[in-house]
């Protein structure tokens, strides 16, 4: 059973990355374009250039899209994780100690999910992997066959 689970690991990690990236990008789209209810539930958008809301929305949309596609996953996840850590400690944590008390569960979860992707990379199904295989094939190098995550 462990062998089967280990062989599926890159693909499950890829699915995890896709879901996290999609949900994260939706937060940015909500704030920037007013879709999915907007920032106030009525379709309002964040005013362009306002700190930190508009900048956070840009990071969410661009970072989430890159993570979703698996393109520059580690760099995008690094920036996104930092943005969510900032959001948690600057916006939520001053309200109360625990995320369940201060409304910061989403920020904390996104921060840690993106932090995980910094170390694991895109997993299977990502453009990073596809581009690396194409580059290796065009240069005549063979793949090392390493799995993105060691168990």
Protein backbone atom coordinates (compact mmCIF):
# COMPACT_ATOMS: atom_id res chain seq x y z
CA UNK A 1 0.00 0.00 0.00
CA UNK A 2 2.83 2.41 0.84
CA UNK A 3 4.37 1.88 -2.59
CA UNK A 4 1.13 2.81 -4.34
CA UNK A 5 0.69 5.91 -2.22
CA UNK A 6 4.29 6.98 -2.80
CA UNK A 7 3.93 6.55 -6.56
CA UNK A 8 0.85 8.81 -6.55
CA UNK A 9 2.54 11.46 -4.42
CA UNK A 10 3.69 13.82 -7.21
CA UNK A 11 0.21 13.83 -8.77
CA UNK A 12 -1.60 14.40 -5.48
CA UNK A 13 0.83 17.20 -4.70
CA UNK A 14 0.06 18.63 -8.14
CA UNK A 15 -3.68 18.50 -7.41
CA UNK A 16 -3.07 20.17 -4.04
CA UNK A 17 -1.11 22.92 -5.81
CA UNK A 18 -3.86 23.42 -8.39
CA UNK A 19 -6.63 23.72 -5.79
CA UNK A 20 -4.64 26.06 -3.53
CA UNK A 21 -3.60 28.21 -6.51
CA UNK A 22 -7.17 28.44 -7.83
CA UNK A 23 -8.63 29.41 -4.46
CA UNK A 24 -5.85 31.93 -3.84
CA UNK A 25 -6.31 33.50 -7.29
CA UNK A 26 -10.05 33.79 -6.64
CA UNK A 27 -9.32 35.99 -3.60
CA UNK A 28 -7.29 38.32 -5.77
CA UNK A 29 -9.90 38.39 -8.54
CA UNK A 30 -12.59 39.15 -5.95
CA UNK A 31 -10.71 42.21 -4.71
CA UNK A 32 -9.43 43.47 -8.06
CA UNK A 33 -12.44 42.85 -10.31
CA UNK A 34 -15.39 42.64 -7.89
CA UNK A 35 -16.30 39.13 -9.00
CA UNK A 36 -17.55 36.48 -6.56
CA UNK A 37 -19.11 39.20 -4.40
CA UNK A 38 -16.21 41.63 -4.33
CA UNK A 39 -14.56 42.92 -1.18
CA UNK A 40 -17.84 43.93 0.45
CA UNK A 41 -20.12 41.18 -0.84
CA UNK A 42 -21.77 43.67 -3.21
CA UNK A 43 -19.20 43.65 -6.02
CA UNK A 44 -16.94 46.44 -4.78
CA UNK A 45 -13.25 46.42 -5.65
CA UNK A 46 -10.15 47.50 -3.76
CA UNK A 47 -9.12 51.01 -4.74
CA UNK A 48 -6.10 50.88 -7.06
CA UNK A 49 -2.81 51.43 -5.28
CA UNK A 50 -4.17 51.31 -1.72
CA UNK A 51 -2.00 49.66 0.91
CA UNK A 52 -2.22 46.82 1.75
CA UNK A 53 -5.48 45.65 0.14
CA UNK A 54 -4.80 46.33 -3.51
CA UNK A 55 -1.21 45.05 -3.38
CA UNK A 56 -2.34 41.91 -1.55
CA UNK A 57 -4.96 41.34 -4.24
CA UNK A 58 -2.34 41.60 -7.00
CA UNK A 59 -0.10 39.12 -5.17
CA UNK A 60 -3.07 36.79 -4.68
CA UNK A 61 -4.16 36.92 -8.33
CA UNK A 62 -0.72 36.68 -9.94
CA UNK A 63 0.78 34.33 -7.34
CA UNK A 64 -2.30 32.12 -7.28
CA UNK A 65 -2.35 31.88 -11.07
CA UNK A 66 1.34 30.97 -11.21
CA UNK A 67 0.89 28.35 -8.48
CA UNK A 68 -2.22 27.01 -10.25
CA UNK A 69 -0.26 26.59 -13.49
CA UNK A 70 2.83 25.27 -11.74
CA UNK A 71 4.98 27.95 -13.33
CA UNK A 72 7.62 29.47 -11.08
CA UNK A 73 5.87 27.69 -8.25
CA UNK A 74 8.56 28.05 -5.61
CA UNK A 75 9.12 31.78 -6.15
CA UNK A 76 5.39 32.53 -6.39
CA UNK A 77 4.67 30.47 -3.28
CA UNK A 78 7.47 32.25 -1.39
CA UNK A 79 5.98 35.67 -2.10
CA UNK A 80 2.42 34.47 -1.44
CA UNK A 81 3.40 32.84 1.85
CA UNK A 82 5.09 36.03 2.99
CA UNK A 83 2.06 38.10 2.02
CA UNK A 84 -0.22 35.85 4.03
CA UNK A 85 2.13 35.90 7.03
CA UNK A 86 2.04 39.71 6.85
CA UNK A 87 -1.76 39.65 6.59
CA UNK A 88 -2.06 37.37 9.58
CA UNK A 89 0.32 39.20 11.91
CA UNK A 90 -0.61 42.75 10.85
CA UNK A 91 -4.37 42.41 10.36
CA UNK A 92 -5.64 39.38 12.28
CA UNK A 93 -3.31 38.63 15.17
CA UNK A 94 -3.72 42.02 16.92
CA UNK A 95 -7.44 41.20 17.33
CA UNK A 96 -6.85 38.00 19.35
CA UNK A 97 -4.22 35.32 19.87
CA UNK A 98 -5.78 32.33 18.08
CA UNK A 99 -6.77 32.27 14.39
CA UNK A 100 -10.22 30.94 15.25
CA UNK A 101 -10.76 34.01 17.44
CA UNK A 102 -9.33 36.66 15.12
CA UNK A 103 -10.72 35.49 11.75
CA UNK A 104 -7.25 34.66 10.47
CA UNK A 105 -7.73 30.96 9.66
CA UNK A 106 -7.65 31.60 5.92
CA UNK A 107 -4.50 33.69 6.07
CA UNK A 108 -2.77 31.14 8.31
CA UNK A 109 -3.78 28.19 6.12
CA UNK A 110 -2.73 29.91 2.89
CA UNK A 111 0.57 30.94 4.50
CA UNK A 112 1.40 27.36 5.49
CA UNK A 113 0.10 25.79 2.26
CA UNK A 114 2.25 28.14 0.19
CA UNK A 115 5.17 27.55 2.56
CA UNK A 116 4.86 23.82 1.87
CA UNK A 117 4.95 24.45 -1.89
CA UNK A 118 8.22 26.39 -1.54
CA UNK A 119 9.89 23.15 -0.46
CA UNK A 120 8.00 20.61 -2.56
CA UNK A 121 7.81 22.48 -5.84
CA UNK A 122 5.03 22.01 -8.33
CA UNK A 123 4.73 18.24 -8.11
CA UNK A 124 3.21 16.49 -11.10
CA UNK A 125 0.98 18.21 -13.62
CA UNK A 126 2.85 21.53 -13.50
CA UNK A 127 4.31 23.61 -16.30
CA UNK A 128 7.62 23.69 -14.39
CA UNK A 129 7.96 19.93 -14.87
CA UNK A 130 6.89 20.07 -18.52
CA UNK A 131 9.35 22.84 -19.35
CA UNK A 132 12.18 21.06 -17.50
CA UNK A 133 11.51 17.85 -19.46
CA UNK A 134 11.43 19.73 -22.77
CA UNK A 135 14.65 21.56 -21.97
CA UNK A 136 16.35 18.33 -20.92
CA UNK A 137 15.17 16.60 -24.11
CA UNK A 138 16.37 19.44 -26.35
CA UNK A 139 19.78 19.57 -24.68
CA UNK A 140 20.18 15.79 -24.80
CA UNK A 141 20.31 15.39 -21.03
CA UNK A 142 18.43 12.60 -19.35
CA UNK A 143 16.12 13.14 -16.41
CA UNK A 144 17.37 12.10 -12.97
CA UNK A 145 13.99 10.57 -12.21
CA UNK A 146 13.88 12.15 -8.77
CA UNK A 147 10.47 12.50 -7.21
CA UNK A 148 9.63 16.03 -6.06
CA UNK A 149 9.04 14.84 -2.48
CA UNK A 150 10.95 12.16 -0.64
CA UNK A 151 8.98 10.02 1.77
